[in-house]
Amino acid sequence: MKRKLDFKDIAGYLPYYLKVLIKRNFDIIGTAIGETNGYMRIFGEDAEDYFEESEDFIKPILLPLSDLYRTIIHNGKEIVPIVELARICYSHIQNIEIRNGLGGKFCFVDRRLANHQFGFYFEEKTNSFRSVYLANYTDDIVINQYKLFDYLHELKIDYRGLIDAGLAIDVNTLETNTYKLFNHETN
């Protein structure tokens, strides 16, 4: 059975001005604001434009999961999302810095404790954040995972595979970044 876009796939993004593409005779970009009776409620670019559309006719505009590891602009400043996520997870470590890559994943260190190095990454296979203490390569518990997923929603990063399934649009493929256009910078 072919996967279909469901409201639960995008509900977490709604508080953060999720942009969607409405596919009709012509394309319209709007901001999704909620769902009523199986229809997505969307404001258009003009405040007077209001649409109620089935999930069949919309595609959310998201950043691909690979953007976790590259510099993006969010709220007017440059960030690397995986670094910010590590800071949320390890809020007790004040001086997190990137040391090097660990098989495509990031290795961090507490500047005060040279031997306190850990790898932190998102594992697509299990849809979970992982942390490895590098002194002995043991898994560490990743706390506050709900905060990490809330932040993924804020950044509009597609961790549910919607882009790969053809159910969402990669913002990087658009001629104009819709989030910059509307001053909701993410990318």
N, C-alpha and C. Protein backbone atom coordinates (compact mmCIF):
# COMPACT_ATOMS: atom_id res chain seq x y z
N MET A 1 0.84 -1.18 0.00
CA MET A 1 0.00 0.00 0.00
C MET A 1 0.89 1.25 0.00
N LYS A 2 0.58 2.18 -0.87
CA LYS A 2 1.35 3.41 -0.99
C LYS A 2 1.12 4.31 0.22
N ARG A 3 2.21 4.85 0.72
CA ARG A 3 2.13 5.76 1.87
C ARG A 3 1.41 7.04 1.46
N LYS A 4 0.61 7.56 2.38
CA LYS A 4 -0.16 8.77 2.13
C LYS A 4 0.16 9.79 3.22
N LEU A 5 0.20 11.06 2.89
CA LEU A 5 0.43 12.11 3.87
C LEU A 5 -0.74 12.13 4.84
N ASP A 6 -0.42 12.17 6.12
CA ASP A 6 -1.44 12.20 7.16
C ASP A 6 -1.18 13.41 8.04
N PHE A 7 -2.21 13.91 8.65
CA PHE A 7 -2.08 15.09 9.51
C PHE A 7 -1.02 14.87 10.60
N LYS A 8 -0.93 13.66 11.13
CA LYS A 8 0.06 13.40 12.18
C LYS A 8 1.49 13.59 11.68
N ASP A 9 1.70 13.47 10.35
CA ASP A 9 3.03 13.67 9.78
C ASP A 9 3.49 15.13 9.89
N ILE A 10 2.56 16.05 9.95
CA ILE A 10 2.94 17.47 9.93
C ILE A 10 2.45 18.26 11.14
N ALA A 11 1.69 17.65 12.02
CA ALA A 11 1.12 18.38 13.16
C ALA A 11 2.17 19.08 14.00
N GLY A 12 3.31 18.45 14.25
CA GLY A 12 4.35 19.05 15.08
C GLY A 12 4.98 20.29 14.49
N TYR A 13 4.88 20.45 13.16
CA TYR A 13 5.48 21.60 12.49
C TYR A 13 4.58 22.85 12.53
N LEU A 14 3.30 22.67 12.78
CA LEU A 14 2.34 23.76 12.62
C LEU A 14 2.62 25.01 13.47
N PRO A 15 3.08 24.89 14.72
CA PRO A 15 3.34 26.12 15.48
C PRO A 15 4.48 26.97 14.92
N TYR A 16 5.19 26.46 13.94
CA TYR A 16 6.40 27.13 13.43
C TYR A 16 6.24 27.61 11.98
N TYR A 17 5.04 28.01 11.59
CA TYR A 17 4.79 28.58 10.26
C TYR A 17 5.16 27.62 9.14
N LEU A 18 4.66 26.40 9.19
CA LEU A 18 4.94 25.42 8.15
C LEU A 18 4.37 25.89 6.82
N LYS A 19 5.23 25.97 5.82
CA LYS A 19 4.80 26.31 4.47
C LYS A 19 4.41 25.04 3.74
N VAL A 20 3.35 25.15 2.94
CA VAL A 20 2.89 24.02 2.14
C VAL A 20 2.65 24.50 0.71
N LEU A 21 2.77 23.57 -0.19
CA LEU A 21 2.45 23.83 -1.59
C LEU A 21 1.11 23.18 -1.86
N ILE A 22 0.16 23.97 -2.33
CA ILE A 22 -1.16 23.44 -2.71
C ILE A 22 -1.10 23.15 -4.20
N LYS A 23 -1.33 21.89 -4.55
CA LYS A 23 -1.26 21.44 -5.94
C LYS A 23 -2.66 21.44 -6.54
N ARG A 24 -2.96 22.40 -7.36
CA ARG A 24 -4.22 22.49 -8.10
C ARG A 24 -3.90 22.78 -9.55
N ASN A 25 -4.76 23.50 -10.24
CA ASN A 25 -4.45 23.90 -11.63
C ASN A 25 -3.22 24.78 -11.67
N PHE A 26 -2.95 25.47 -10.57
CA PHE A 26 -1.75 26.29 -10.41
C PHE A 26 -1.29 26.08 -8.97
N ASP A 27 -0.01 26.29 -8.73
CA ASP A 27 0.54 26.05 -7.40
C ASP A 27 0.39 27.29 -6.53
N ILE A 28 0.03 27.08 -5.28
CA ILE A 28 -0.10 28.16 -4.30
C ILE A 28 0.72 27.76 -3.09
N ILE A 29 1.50 28.70 -2.56
CA ILE A 29 2.22 28.43 -1.31
C ILE A 29 1.49 29.16 -0.20
N GLY A 30 1.25 28.44 0.88
CA GLY A 30 0.57 29.02 2.02
C GLY A 30 1.15 28.50 3.32
N THR A 31 0.57 28.95 4.41
CA THR A 31 1.00 28.54 5.75
C THR A 31 -0.09 27.67 6.36
N ALA A 32 0.27 26.43 6.69
CA ALA A 32 -0.69 25.51 7.31
C ALA A 32 -0.93 25.95 8.75
N ILE A 33 -2.20 25.99 9.16
CA ILE A 33 -2.52 26.43 10.52
C ILE A 33 -3.28 25.40 11.33
N GLY A 34 -3.71 24.32 10.72
CA GLY A 34 -4.43 23.30 11.48
C GLY A 34 -5.23 22.39 10.57
N GLU A 35 -6.08 21.58 11.21
CA GLU A 35 -6.87 20.62 10.47
C GLU A 35 -8.28 20.59 11.06
N THR A 36 -9.28 20.53 10.19
CA THR A 36 -10.67 20.42 10.61
C THR A 36 -11.36 19.41 9.72
N ASN A 37 -11.99 18.42 10.33
CA ASN A 37 -12.77 17.42 9.59
C ASN A 37 -12.03 16.82 8.39
N GLY A 38 -10.74 16.54 8.58
CA GLY A 38 -9.97 15.91 7.52
C GLY A 38 -9.42 16.86 6.48
N TYR A 39 -9.62 18.15 6.66
CA TYR A 39 -9.10 19.14 5.72
C TYR A 39 -8.08 20.04 6.40
N MET A 40 -6.97 20.29 5.69
CA MET A 40 -5.93 21.17 6.19
C MET A 40 -6.38 22.61 6.00
N ARG A 41 -6.25 23.41 7.05
CA ARG A 41 -6.55 24.84 6.97
C ARG A 41 -5.26 25.59 6.65
N ILE A 42 -5.32 26.44 5.62
CA ILE A 42 -4.12 27.09 5.10
C ILE A 42 -4.42 28.55 4.79
N PHE A 43 -3.54 29.44 5.24
CA PHE A 43 -3.59 30.83 4.82
C PHE A 43 -2.66 31.01 3.64
N GLY A 44 -3.12 31.75 2.63
CA GLY A 44 -2.29 32.04 1.48
C GLY A 44 -1.34 33.19 1.76
N GLU A 45 -0.61 33.59 0.73
CA GLU A 45 0.35 34.69 0.87
C GLU A 45 -0.36 35.99 1.22
N ASP A 46 -1.53 36.18 0.68
CA ASP A 46 -2.34 37.35 0.99
C ASP A 46 -3.22 36.97 2.19
N ALA A 47 -3.28 37.81 3.18
CA ALA A 47 -4.01 37.49 4.41
C ALA A 47 -5.47 37.15 4.15
N GLU A 48 -6.02 37.62 3.03
CA GLU A 48 -7.42 37.33 2.72
C GLU A 48 -7.62 35.94 2.13
N ASP A 49 -6.54 35.32 1.66
CA ASP A 49 -6.63 33.99 1.06
C ASP A 49 -6.68 32.93 2.14
N TYR A 50 -7.71 32.09 2.09
CA TYR A 50 -7.87 31.02 3.06
C TYR A 50 -8.33 29.79 2.30
N PHE A 51 -7.71 28.65 2.61
CA PHE A 51 -8.03 27.42 1.89
C PHE A 51 -8.27 26.29 2.89
N GLU A 52 -9.14 25.38 2.53
CA GLU A 52 -9.27 24.11 3.24
C GLU A 52 -9.05 23.04 2.18
N GLU A 53 -7.98 22.28 2.36
CA GLU A 53 -7.58 21.30 1.36
C GLU A 53 -7.37 19.93 1.98
N SER A 54 -7.66 18.91 1.21
CA SER A 54 -7.35 17.54 1.60
C SER A 54 -5.84 17.35 1.56
N GLU A 55 -5.34 16.46 2.41
CA GLU A 55 -3.90 16.16 2.39
C GLU A 55 -3.44 15.67 1.03
N ASP A 56 -4.38 15.20 0.20
CA ASP A 56 -4.04 14.73 -1.14
C ASP A 56 -3.53 15.84 -2.04
N PHE A 57 -3.88 17.09 -1.72
CA PHE A 57 -3.54 18.22 -2.59
C PHE A 57 -2.48 19.14 -2.00
N ILE A 58 -1.85 18.75 -0.90
CA ILE A 58 -0.81 19.60 -0.33
C ILE A 58 0.49 18.82 -0.16
N LYS A 59 1.58 19.57 -0.19
CA LYS A 59 2.89 19.00 0.12
C LYS A 59 3.59 19.98 1.06
N PRO A 60 3.98 19.52 2.25
CA PRO A 60 4.73 20.40 3.13
C PRO A 60 6.11 20.70 2.54
N ILE A 61 6.63 21.86 2.86
CA ILE A 61 7.96 22.27 2.40
C ILE A 61 8.90 22.15 3.59
N LEU A 62 9.86 21.23 3.49
CA LEU A 62 10.73 20.88 4.61
C LEU A 62 12.20 20.87 4.20
N LEU A 63 13.07 20.86 5.20
CA LEU A 63 14.50 20.66 4.98
C LEU A 63 14.78 19.16 5.06
N PRO A 64 15.67 18.66 4.19
CA PRO A 64 16.00 17.23 4.26
C PRO A 64 16.81 16.92 5.52
N LEU A 65 16.78 15.68 5.93
CA LEU A 65 17.51 15.25 7.12
C LEU A 65 19.01 15.54 7.00
N SER A 66 19.54 15.53 5.79
CA SER A 66 20.96 15.81 5.61
C SER A 66 21.33 17.22 6.05
N ASP A 67 20.37 18.12 6.12
CA ASP A 67 20.65 19.49 6.57
C ASP A 67 20.95 19.55 8.07
N LEU A 68 20.77 18.46 8.78
CA LEU A 68 21.17 18.41 10.20
C LEU A 68 22.65 18.72 10.35
N TYR A 69 23.44 18.35 9.35
CA TYR A 69 24.90 18.39 9.45
C TYR A 69 25.53 19.54 8.66
N ARG A 70 24.73 20.47 8.20
CA ARG A 70 25.31 21.60 7.47
C ARG A 70 24.83 22.91 8.09
N THR A 71 25.50 23.99 7.79
CA THR A 71 25.15 25.30 8.34
C THR A 71 23.89 25.82 7.67
N ILE A 72 22.93 26.22 8.48
CA ILE A 72 21.70 26.84 7.98
C ILE A 72 21.50 28.16 8.73
N ILE A 73 20.60 28.97 8.25
CA ILE A 73 20.22 30.21 8.93
C ILE A 73 18.90 29.93 9.65
N HIS A 74 18.88 30.20 10.95
CA HIS A 74 17.65 30.04 11.73
C HIS A 74 17.53 31.23 12.67
N ASN A 75 16.39 31.89 12.60
CA ASN A 75 16.16 33.09 13.42
C ASN A 75 17.29 34.10 13.27
N GLY A 76 17.78 34.24 12.03
CA GLY A 76 18.77 35.25 11.73
C GLY A 76 20.21 34.90 12.07
N LYS A 77 20.47 33.69 12.58
CA LYS A 77 21.86 33.35 12.87
C LYS A 77 22.22 32.00 12.26
N GLU A 78 23.51 31.86 11.96
CA GLU A 78 24.00 30.60 11.39
C GLU A 78 24.13 29.56 12.49
N ILE A 79 23.60 28.38 12.21
CA ILE A 79 23.70 27.26 13.15
C ILE A 79 23.97 25.98 12.37
N VAL A 80 24.50 24.99 13.05
CA VAL A 80 24.55 23.62 12.55
C VAL A 80 23.57 22.86 13.45
N PRO A 81 22.43 22.42 12.91
CA PRO A 81 21.39 21.84 13.75
C PRO A 81 21.85 20.74 14.71
N ILE A 82 22.71 19.83 14.26
CA ILE A 82 23.14 18.74 15.14
C ILE A 82 23.90 19.27 16.35
N VAL A 83 24.61 20.38 16.18
CA VAL A 83 25.33 20.99 17.31
C VAL A 83 24.32 21.56 18.31
N GLU A 84 23.31 22.25 17.80
CA GLU A 84 22.29 22.82 18.69
C GLU A 84 21.52 21.71 19.41
N LEU A 85 21.27 20.62 18.72
CA LEU A 85 20.59 19.48 19.34
C LEU A 85 21.45 18.87 20.44
N ALA A 86 22.76 18.77 20.20
CA ALA A 86 23.67 18.26 21.24
C ALA A 86 23.66 19.19 22.44
N ARG A 87 23.59 20.49 22.21
CA ARG A 87 23.54 21.44 23.33
C ARG A 87 22.27 21.27 24.16
N ILE A 88 21.16 20.96 23.49
CA ILE A 88 19.91 20.71 24.23
C ILE A 88 20.07 19.45 25.07
N CYS A 89 20.62 18.42 24.47
CA CYS A 89 20.77 17.13 25.14
C CYS A 89 21.77 17.20 26.29
N TYR A 90 22.87 17.90 26.05
CA TYR A 90 23.94 17.98 27.03
C TYR A 90 24.03 19.40 27.60
N SER A 91 22.93 19.88 28.13
CA SER A 91 22.90 21.26 28.63
C SER A 91 23.83 21.47 29.81
N HIS A 92 24.24 20.40 30.48
CA HIS A 92 25.17 20.51 31.60
C HIS A 92 26.61 20.77 31.15
N ILE A 93 26.88 20.56 29.87
CA ILE A 93 28.22 20.84 29.34
C ILE A 93 28.17 22.23 28.70
N GLN A 94 28.88 23.15 29.27
CA GLN A 94 28.82 24.54 28.83
C GLN A 94 29.64 24.84 27.58
N ASN A 95 30.70 24.09 27.36
CA ASN A 95 31.64 24.42 26.28
C ASN A 95 31.73 23.32 25.24
N ILE A 96 30.64 23.05 24.58
CA ILE A 96 30.65 22.01 23.54
C ILE A 96 31.31 22.57 22.29
N GLU A 97 32.21 21.80 21.72
CA GLU A 97 32.80 22.17 20.44
C GLU A 97 32.95 20.92 19.59
N ILE A 98 32.92 21.13 18.28
CA ILE A 98 33.11 20.01 17.36
C ILE A 98 34.60 19.77 17.23
N ARG A 99 34.99 18.52 17.37
CA ARG A 99 36.41 18.17 17.20
C ARG A 99 36.65 17.57 15.82
N ASN A 100 35.88 16.59 15.46
CA ASN A 100 36.08 15.94 14.17
C ASN A 100 34.86 15.09 13.85
N GLY A 101 34.85 14.53 12.65
CA GLY A 101 33.76 13.65 12.27
C GLY A 101 34.03 12.24 12.75
N LEU A 102 32.99 11.51 12.99
CA LEU A 102 33.10 10.12 13.41
C LEU A 102 32.23 9.31 12.45
N GLY A 103 32.82 8.88 11.34
CA GLY A 103 32.06 8.13 10.36
C GLY A 103 30.88 8.91 9.81
N GLY A 104 31.07 10.21 9.55
CA GLY A 104 29.97 11.04 9.04
C GLY A 104 29.13 11.64 10.13
N LYS A 105 29.42 11.28 11.38
CA LYS A 105 28.68 11.83 12.50
C LYS A 105 29.60 12.80 13.23
N PHE A 106 29.06 13.54 14.14
CA PHE A 106 29.87 14.54 14.82
C PHE A 106 30.42 14.03 16.13
N CYS A 107 31.63 14.45 16.42
CA CYS A 107 32.28 14.16 17.68
C CYS A 107 32.40 15.48 18.44
N PHE A 108 32.00 15.47 19.69
CA PHE A 108 32.04 16.68 20.50
C PHE A 108 32.94 16.48 21.70
N VAL A 109 33.36 17.58 22.26
CA VAL A 109 34.20 17.49 23.44
C VAL A 109 33.84 18.65 24.37
N ASP A 110 33.89 18.38 25.65
CA ASP A 110 33.78 19.44 26.65
C ASP A 110 35.18 20.03 26.77
N ARG A 111 35.33 21.29 26.47
CA ARG A 111 36.65 21.93 26.46
C ARG A 111 37.37 21.80 27.81
N ARG A 112 36.62 21.68 28.87
CA ARG A 112 37.25 21.59 30.19
C ARG A 112 37.79 20.20 30.47
N LEU A 113 37.22 19.18 29.81
CA LEU A 113 37.62 17.79 30.06
C LEU A 113 38.02 17.16 28.73
N ALA A 114 39.29 17.17 28.43
CA ALA A 114 39.77 16.70 27.12
C ALA A 114 39.38 15.26 26.83
N ASN A 115 39.23 14.44 27.86
CA ASN A 115 38.88 13.04 27.61
C ASN A 115 37.37 12.80 27.58
N HIS A 116 36.58 13.85 27.77
CA HIS A 116 35.12 13.71 27.72
C HIS A 116 34.65 14.01 26.29
N GLN A 117 34.82 13.03 25.42
CA GLN A 117 34.40 13.16 24.03
C GLN A 117 33.24 12.22 23.77
N PHE A 118 32.30 12.70 22.97
CA PHE A 118 31.16 11.85 22.65
C PHE A 118 30.70 12.10 21.23
N GLY A 119 30.16 11.06 20.62
CA GLY A 119 29.54 11.17 19.31
C GLY A 119 28.05 11.35 19.51
N PHE A 120 27.44 12.19 18.71
CA PHE A 120 26.01 12.44 18.83
C PHE A 120 25.45 12.52 17.42
N TYR A 121 24.41 11.76 17.12
CA TYR A 121 23.88 11.72 15.77
C TYR A 121 22.45 11.22 15.78
N PHE A 122 21.79 11.39 14.63
CA PHE A 122 20.43 10.89 14.44
C PHE A 122 20.52 9.63 13.62
N GLU A 123 19.97 8.54 14.14
CA GLU A 123 20.00 7.27 13.43
C GLU A 123 18.68 7.09 12.69
N GLU A 124 18.76 7.14 11.37
CA GLU A 124 17.55 7.06 10.55
C GLU A 124 16.83 5.72 10.68
N LYS A 125 17.59 4.64 10.85
CA LYS A 125 16.98 3.31 10.92
C LYS A 125 16.00 3.19 12.09
N THR A 126 16.34 3.80 13.22
CA THR A 126 15.48 3.72 14.41
C THR A 126 14.76 5.03 14.71
N ASN A 127 14.99 6.06 13.88
CA ASN A 127 14.40 7.39 14.11
C ASN A 127 14.65 7.87 15.53
N SER A 128 15.90 7.76 15.96
CA SER A 128 16.23 8.18 17.32
C SER A 128 17.61 8.83 17.35
N PHE A 129 17.81 9.62 18.36
CA PHE A 129 19.11 10.22 18.58
C PHE A 129 19.96 9.23 19.35
N ARG A 130 21.24 9.21 19.01
CA ARG A 130 22.17 8.29 19.65
C ARG A 130 23.37 9.07 20.14
N SER A 131 23.94 8.58 21.19
CA SER A 131 25.15 9.18 21.74
C SER A 131 26.10 8.06 22.14
N VAL A 132 27.36 8.26 21.83
CA VAL A 132 28.38 7.27 22.15
C VAL A 132 29.49 7.97 22.92
N TYR A 133 29.81 7.44 24.08
CA TYR A 133 30.92 7.95 24.87
C TYR A 133 32.18 7.36 24.27
N LEU A 134 33.09 8.20 23.77
CA LEU A 134 34.21 7.72 22.95
C LEU A 134 35.37 7.14 23.74
N ALA A 135 35.40 7.34 25.03
CA ALA A 135 36.50 6.77 25.83
C ALA A 135 36.47 5.25 25.77
N ASN A 136 35.26 4.67 25.76
CA ASN A 136 35.14 3.22 25.72
C ASN A 136 34.07 2.74 24.72
N TYR A 137 33.60 3.63 23.87
CA TYR A 137 32.61 3.33 22.83
C TYR A 137 31.34 2.67 23.38
N THR A 138 30.86 3.18 24.50
CA THR A 138 29.60 2.70 25.04
C THR A 138 28.50 3.69 24.72
N ASP A 139 27.30 3.14 24.53
CA ASP A 139 26.13 4.00 24.30
C ASP A 139 25.81 4.77 25.55
N ASP A 140 25.43 6.01 25.35
CA ASP A 140 25.00 6.86 26.45
C ASP A 140 23.51 7.12 26.25
N ILE A 141 22.79 7.31 27.31
CA ILE A 141 21.36 7.59 27.21
C ILE A 141 21.18 9.02 26.70
N VAL A 142 20.32 9.18 25.71
CA VAL A 142 20.00 10.51 25.21
C VAL A 142 18.73 10.96 25.91
N ILE A 143 18.89 11.95 26.76
CA ILE A 143 17.74 12.45 27.53
C ILE A 143 17.03 13.54 26.73
N ASN A 144 15.83 13.88 27.16
CA ASN A 144 15.06 14.98 26.58
C ASN A 144 14.77 14.79 25.09
N GLN A 145 14.53 13.57 24.64
CA GLN A 145 14.32 13.36 23.21
C GLN A 145 13.12 14.16 22.70
N TYR A 146 12.10 14.36 23.53
CA TYR A 146 10.95 15.13 23.07
C TYR A 146 11.37 16.56 22.75
N LYS A 147 12.32 17.13 23.51
CA LYS A 147 12.82 18.47 23.21
C LYS A 147 13.58 18.48 21.88
N LEU A 148 14.28 17.40 21.61
CA LEU A 148 15.04 17.31 20.36
C LEU A 148 14.09 17.26 19.16
N PHE A 149 13.02 16.49 19.26
CA PHE A 149 12.05 16.42 18.17
C PHE A 149 11.27 17.72 18.04
N ASP A 150 10.98 18.39 19.16
CA ASP A 150 10.36 19.71 19.08
C ASP A 150 11.25 20.66 18.28
N TYR A 151 12.56 20.58 18.51
CA TYR A 151 13.49 21.46 17.79
C TYR A 151 13.56 21.08 16.31
N LEU A 152 13.50 19.80 15.99
CA LEU A 152 13.44 19.39 14.58
C LEU A 152 12.21 19.99 13.92
N HIS A 153 11.09 20.00 14.63
CA HIS A 153 9.87 20.62 14.09
C HIS A 153 10.09 22.11 13.85
N GLU A 154 10.68 22.79 14.84
CA GLU A 154 10.94 24.23 14.69
C GLU A 154 11.81 24.52 13.47
N LEU A 155 12.81 23.67 13.25
CA LEU A 155 13.71 23.85 12.11
C LEU A 155 13.08 23.35 10.81
N LYS A 156 11.97 22.65 10.91
CA LYS A 156 11.27 22.07 9.76
C LYS A 156 12.12 21.04 9.03
N ILE A 157 12.81 20.21 9.80
CA ILE A 157 13.63 19.14 9.24
C ILE A 157 12.79 17.87 9.14
N ASP A 158 12.83 17.26 7.99
CA ASP A 158 12.03 16.07 7.69
C ASP A 158 12.71 14.81 8.22
N TYR A 159 12.32 14.39 9.41
CA TYR A 159 12.87 13.16 9.99
C TYR A 159 11.92 11.98 9.76
N ARG A 160 10.77 12.21 9.14
CA ARG A 160 9.79 11.15 8.90
C ARG A 160 9.87 10.55 7.50
N GLY A 161 10.83 11.02 6.69
CA GLY A 161 11.00 10.47 5.34
C GLY A 161 9.95 10.93 4.35
N LEU A 162 9.33 12.06 4.59
CA LEU A 162 8.27 12.55 3.69
C LEU A 162 8.83 12.98 2.34
N ILE A 163 10.01 13.59 2.33
CA ILE A 163 10.61 14.02 1.06
C ILE A 163 10.93 12.80 0.21
N ASP A 164 11.58 11.81 0.80
CA ASP A 164 11.94 10.60 0.05
C ASP A 164 10.73 9.85 -0.46
N ALA A 165 9.61 9.94 0.27
CA ALA A 165 8.38 9.26 -0.15
C ALA A 165 7.59 10.08 -1.17
N GLY A 166 8.09 11.27 -1.52
CA GLY A 166 7.38 12.12 -2.48
C GLY A 166 6.20 12.86 -1.88
N LEU A 167 6.12 12.89 -0.54
CA LEU A 167 4.98 13.53 0.13
C LEU A 167 5.29 14.95 0.60
N ALA A 168 6.54 15.37 0.48
CA ALA A 168 6.95 16.72 0.87
C ALA A 168 7.97 17.22 -0.14
N ILE A 169 8.21 18.52 -0.11
CA ILE A 169 9.15 19.16 -1.02
C ILE A 169 10.38 19.60 -0.24
N ASP A 170 11.56 19.32 -0.78
CA ASP A 170 12.82 19.78 -0.21
C ASP A 170 12.95 21.27 -0.51
N VAL A 171 13.00 22.09 0.52
CA VAL A 171 13.08 23.55 0.34
C VAL A 171 14.29 23.95 -0.50
N ASN A 172 15.34 23.15 -0.47
CA ASN A 172 16.56 23.45 -1.23
C ASN A 172 16.36 23.31 -2.74
N THR A 173 15.28 22.66 -3.16
CA THR A 173 15.03 22.47 -4.59
C THR A 173 14.17 23.58 -5.17
N LEU A 174 13.64 24.45 -4.32
CA LEU A 174 12.80 25.54 -4.80
C LEU A 174 13.65 26.69 -5.32
N GLU A 175 13.13 27.40 -6.28
CA GLU A 175 13.84 28.55 -6.82
C GLU A 175 14.04 29.62 -5.74
N THR A 176 13.03 29.79 -4.89
CA THR A 176 13.10 30.76 -3.80
C THR A 176 12.78 30.03 -2.51
N ASN A 177 13.61 30.24 -1.49
CA ASN A 177 13.36 29.64 -0.18
C ASN A 177 12.15 30.33 0.44
N THR A 178 11.06 29.61 0.56
CA THR A 178 9.81 30.20 1.04
C THR A 178 9.91 30.71 2.47
N TYR A 179 10.79 30.13 3.27
CA TYR A 179 10.91 30.58 4.65
C TYR A 179 11.64 31.91 4.73
N LYS A 180 12.61 32.14 3.88
CA LYS A 180 13.28 33.44 3.84
C LYS A 180 12.34 34.50 3.28
N LEU A 181 11.53 34.12 2.30
CA LEU A 181 10.59 35.03 1.67
C LEU A 181 9.60 35.59 2.69
N PHE A 182 9.18 34.74 3.64
CA PHE A 182 8.19 35.14 4.62
C PHE A 182 8.82 35.53 5.96
N ASN A 183 10.15 35.71 6.00
CA ASN A 183 10.89 36.06 7.22
C ASN A 183 10.76 35.03 8.33
N HIS A 184 10.58 33.79 7.96
CA HIS A 184 10.62 32.67 8.92
C HIS A 184 11.82 31.85 8.52
N GLU A 185 13.01 32.43 8.68
CA GLU A 185 14.22 31.84 8.12
C GLU A 185 14.55 30.49 8.73
N THR A 186 14.71 29.54 7.91
CA THR A 186 15.28 28.25 8.23
C THR A 186 15.92 27.77 6.96
N ASN A 187 17.17 27.87 6.86
CA ASN A 187 17.99 27.43 5.75
C ASN A 187 19.01 28.46 5.41
